[in-house]
Amino acid sequence: MGVRLTLREGTLTALLSGEIDHHCAKGIREEVDKAAGQTKPRRLVLDFSRVQFMDSSGVGLIMGRYKLMQSIGGIVILANLPEKIEKIVALAGLDRLARIERNWDHETNQ
């Protein structure tokens, strides 16, 4: 699992890849939280386009970033969710906390 972070015009994008499970979620949280704490973005985009698997650790990852962004006055966008992961997000009710973007381009932030 990996995460690549980019900041552009007030949007911090976390391009996630691989599998999100209890083995890697902590590292992702730490990297995203550090970058968000330093930059105070208006939007945090979690781009799932390269994620093949996510368990409940991913749900916790999203919820925690939602709380973080609320505390700094920003929003969370869940981008390019694979169908199976979008179902998990919907079942957990995360689609009510974060905006879903199906065709987010991480290169242009739109």
C-alpha atoms as a PDB file:
ATOM      1  CA  MET A   1       0.000   0.000   0.000  1.00  0.00           C
ATOM      2  CA  GLY A   2       1.207   3.432  -0.792  1.00  0.00           C
ATOM      3  CA  VAL A   3       0.075   7.007  -0.744  1.00  0.00           C
ATOM      4  CA  ARG A   4       1.264   9.881  -2.915  1.00  0.00           C
ATOM      5  CA  LEU A   5       0.346  13.339  -1.677  1.00  0.00           C
ATOM      6  CA  THR A   6       0.039  16.453  -3.786  1.00  0.00           C
ATOM      7  CA  LEU A   7      -1.105  19.945  -2.870  1.00  0.00           C
ATOM      8  CA  ARG A   8      -2.588  22.227  -5.483  1.00  0.00           C
ATOM      9  CA  GLU A   9      -4.711  25.342  -5.030  1.00  0.00           C
ATOM     10  CA  GLY A  10      -5.965  24.445  -1.562  1.00  0.00           C
ATOM     11  CA  THR A  11      -6.625  20.795  -2.402  1.00  0.00           C
ATOM     12  CA  LEU A  12      -4.570  18.051  -0.807  1.00  0.00           C
ATOM     13  CA  THR A  13      -4.888  14.875  -2.873  1.00  0.00           C
ATOM     14  CA  ALA A  14      -3.919  11.499  -1.451  1.00  0.00           C
ATOM     15  CA  LEU A  15      -3.515   9.028  -4.311  1.00  0.00           C
ATOM     16  CA  LEU A  16      -3.899   5.666  -2.593  1.00  0.00           C
ATOM     17  CA  SER A  17      -2.732   2.395  -4.100  1.00  0.00           C
ATOM     18  CA  GLY A  18      -2.777  -1.303  -3.271  1.00  0.00           C
ATOM     19  CA  GLU A  19      -4.789  -2.627  -0.331  1.00  0.00           C
ATOM     20  CA  ILE A  20      -6.072  -0.701   2.679  1.00  0.00           C
ATOM     21  CA  ASP A  21      -6.096  -2.987   5.714  1.00  0.00           C
ATOM     22  CA  HIS A  22      -4.970  -2.879   9.328  1.00  0.00           C
ATOM     23  CA  HIS A  23      -1.344  -3.377   8.282  1.00  0.00           C
ATOM     24  CA  CYS A  24      -1.064  -0.141   6.322  1.00  0.00           C
ATOM     25  CA  ALA A  25      -3.892   2.148   7.465  1.00  0.00           C
ATOM     26  CA  LYS A  26      -1.836   3.647  10.309  1.00  0.00           C
ATOM     27  CA  GLY A  27       0.955   4.728   7.971  1.00  0.00           C
ATOM     28  CA  ILE A  28      -1.499   6.321   5.564  1.00  0.00           C
ATOM     29  CA  ARG A  29      -3.249   8.136   8.429  1.00  0.00           C
ATOM     30  CA  GLU A  30       0.040   9.506   9.712  1.00  0.00           C
ATOM     31  CA  GLU A  31       1.182  10.772   6.312  1.00  0.00           C
ATOM     32  CA  VAL A  32      -2.155  12.378   5.431  1.00  0.00           C
ATOM     33  CA  ASP A  33      -2.598  13.914   8.880  1.00  0.00           C
ATOM     34  CA  LYS A  34       0.909  15.376   8.874  1.00  0.00           C
ATOM     35  CA  ALA A  35       0.440  16.956   5.442  1.00  0.00           C
ATOM     36  CA  ALA A  36      -3.049  18.248   6.260  1.00  0.00           C
ATOM     37  CA  GLY A  37      -1.859  19.654   9.581  1.00  0.00           C
ATOM     38  CA  GLN A  38       0.954  21.539   7.875  1.00  0.00           C
ATOM     39  CA  THR A  39      -0.996  22.818   4.872  1.00  0.00           C
ATOM     40  CA  LYS A  40      -4.572  23.249   6.225  1.00  0.00           C
ATOM     41  CA  PRO A  41      -6.224  22.457   2.861  1.00  0.00           C
ATOM     42  CA  ARG A  42      -9.792  23.446   2.004  1.00  0.00           C
ATOM     43  CA  ARG A  43     -10.344  20.023   0.417  1.00  0.00           C
ATOM     44  CA  LEU A  44      -8.870  16.610   1.063  1.00  0.00           C
ATOM     45  CA  VAL A  45      -9.319  14.204  -1.824  1.00  0.00           C
ATOM     46  CA  LEU A  46      -8.830  10.521  -1.111  1.00  0.00           C
ATOM     47  CA  ASP A  47      -8.355   9.029  -4.576  1.00  0.00           C
ATOM     48  CA  PHE A  48      -9.106   5.296  -4.573  1.00  0.00           C
ATOM     49  CA  SER A  49      -8.486   4.708  -8.288  1.00  0.00           C
ATOM     50  CA  ARG A  50      -5.528   2.396  -7.578  1.00  0.00           C
ATOM     51  CA  VAL A  51      -6.978   0.563  -4.547  1.00  0.00           C
ATOM     52  CA  GLN A  52      -7.882  -3.097  -5.037  1.00  0.00           C
ATOM     53  CA  PHE A  53      -9.131  -3.938  -1.523  1.00  0.00           C
ATOM     54  CA  MET A  54     -10.346  -2.139   1.594  1.00  0.00           C
ATOM     55  CA  ASP A  55     -11.537  -3.546   4.926  1.00  0.00           C
ATOM     56  CA  SER A  56     -12.948  -1.809   8.005  1.00  0.00           C
ATOM     57  CA  SER A  57      -9.586  -0.111   8.541  1.00  0.00           C
ATOM     58  CA  GLY A  58     -10.346   1.911   5.426  1.00  0.00           C
ATOM     59  CA  VAL A  59     -13.691   2.954   6.882  1.00  0.00           C
ATOM     60  CA  GLY A  60     -11.848   4.174   9.973  1.00  0.00           C
ATOM     61  CA  LEU A  61      -9.314   5.948   7.781  1.00  0.00           C
ATOM     62  CA  ILE A  62     -12.075   7.876   6.011  1.00  0.00           C
ATOM     63  CA  MET A  63     -13.949   8.713   9.232  1.00  0.00           C
ATOM     64  CA  GLY A  64     -10.816  10.002  10.915  1.00  0.00           C
ATOM     65  CA  ARG A  65      -9.907  12.209   7.972  1.00  0.00           C
ATOM     66  CA  TYR A  66     -13.468  13.551   7.934  1.00  0.00           C
ATOM     67  CA  LYS A  67     -13.092  14.576  11.597  1.00  0.00           C
ATOM     68  CA  LEU A  68      -9.686  16.099  10.889  1.00  0.00           C
ATOM     69  CA  MET A  69     -11.004  18.154   7.993  1.00  0.00           C
ATOM     70  CA  GLN A  70     -13.991  19.303  10.037  1.00  0.00           C
ATOM     71  CA  SER A  71     -11.613  20.585  12.702  1.00  0.00           C
ATOM     72  CA  ILE A  72      -9.753  22.753  10.152  1.00  0.00           C
ATOM     73  CA  GLY A  73     -12.860  23.843   8.249  1.00  0.00           C
ATOM     74  CA  GLY A  74     -12.384  21.684   5.172  1.00  0.00           C
ATOM     75  CA  ILE A  75     -14.195  18.898   3.353  1.00  0.00           C
ATOM     76  CA  VAL A  76     -13.386  15.345   2.268  1.00  0.00           C
ATOM     77  CA  ILE A  77     -13.921  14.080  -1.261  1.00  0.00           C
ATOM     78  CA  LEU A  78     -13.811  10.352  -2.005  1.00  0.00           C
ATOM     79  CA  ALA A  79     -12.720   9.994  -5.592  1.00  0.00           C
ATOM     80  CA  ASN A  80     -12.730   7.176  -8.128  1.00  0.00           C
ATOM     81  CA  LEU A  81     -14.075   4.491  -5.802  1.00  0.00           C
ATOM     82  CA  PRO A  82     -14.038   1.003  -7.300  1.00  0.00           C
ATOM     83  CA  GLU A  83     -17.537  -0.513  -7.239  1.00  0.00           C
ATOM     84  CA  LYS A  84     -16.869  -2.867  -4.312  1.00  0.00           C
ATOM     85  CA  ILE A  85     -15.329  -0.104  -2.225  1.00  0.00           C
ATOM     86  CA  GLU A  86     -18.160   2.289  -3.071  1.00  0.00           C
ATOM     87  CA  LYS A  87     -20.590  -0.304  -1.671  1.00  0.00           C
ATOM     88  CA  ILE A  88     -18.601  -0.481   1.587  1.00  0.00           C
ATOM     89  CA  VAL A  89     -18.596   3.321   1.785  1.00  0.00           C
ATOM     90  CA  ALA A  90     -22.370   3.458   1.255  1.00  0.00           C
ATOM     91  CA  LEU A  91     -23.074   0.685   3.789  1.00  0.00           C
ATOM     92  CA  ALA A  92     -20.986   2.539   6.379  1.00  0.00           C
ATOM     93  CA  GLY A  93     -22.881   5.771   5.666  1.00  0.00           C
ATOM     94  CA  LEU A  94     -19.721   7.591   4.647  1.00  0.00           C
ATOM     95  CA  ASP A  95     -21.425   8.915   1.532  1.00  0.00           C
ATOM     96  CA  ARG A  96     -23.331  11.243   3.882  1.00  0.00           C
ATOM     97  CA  LEU A  97     -20.086  12.633   5.329  1.00  0.00           C
ATOM     98  CA  ALA A  98     -17.980  13.002   2.216  1.00  0.00           C
ATOM     99  CA  ARG A  99     -18.664  13.974  -1.361  1.00  0.00           C
ATOM    100  CA  ILE A 100     -18.265  11.193  -3.930  1.00  0.00           C
ATOM    101  CA  GLU A 101     -16.521  12.039  -7.221  1.00  0.00           C
ATOM    102  CA  ARG A 102     -16.509   9.279  -9.826  1.00  0.00           C
ATOM    103  CA  ASN A 103     -14.271  10.884 -12.458  1.00  0.00           C
ATOM    104  CA  TRP A 104     -11.722  12.850 -10.460  1.00  0.00           C
ATOM    105  CA  ASP A 105      -8.464  13.528 -12.292  1.00  0.00           C
ATOM    106  CA  HIS A 106      -5.678  13.589  -9.717  1.00  0.00           C
ATOM    107  CA  GLU A 107      -3.378  15.391 -12.154  1.00  0.00           C
ATOM    108  CA  THR A 108      -5.653  18.402 -12.636  1.00  0.00           C
ATOM    109  CA  ASN A 109      -7.628  18.218  -9.348  1.00  0.00           C
ATOM    110  CA  GLN A 110     -10.989  18.134 -11.073  1.00  0.00           C
END
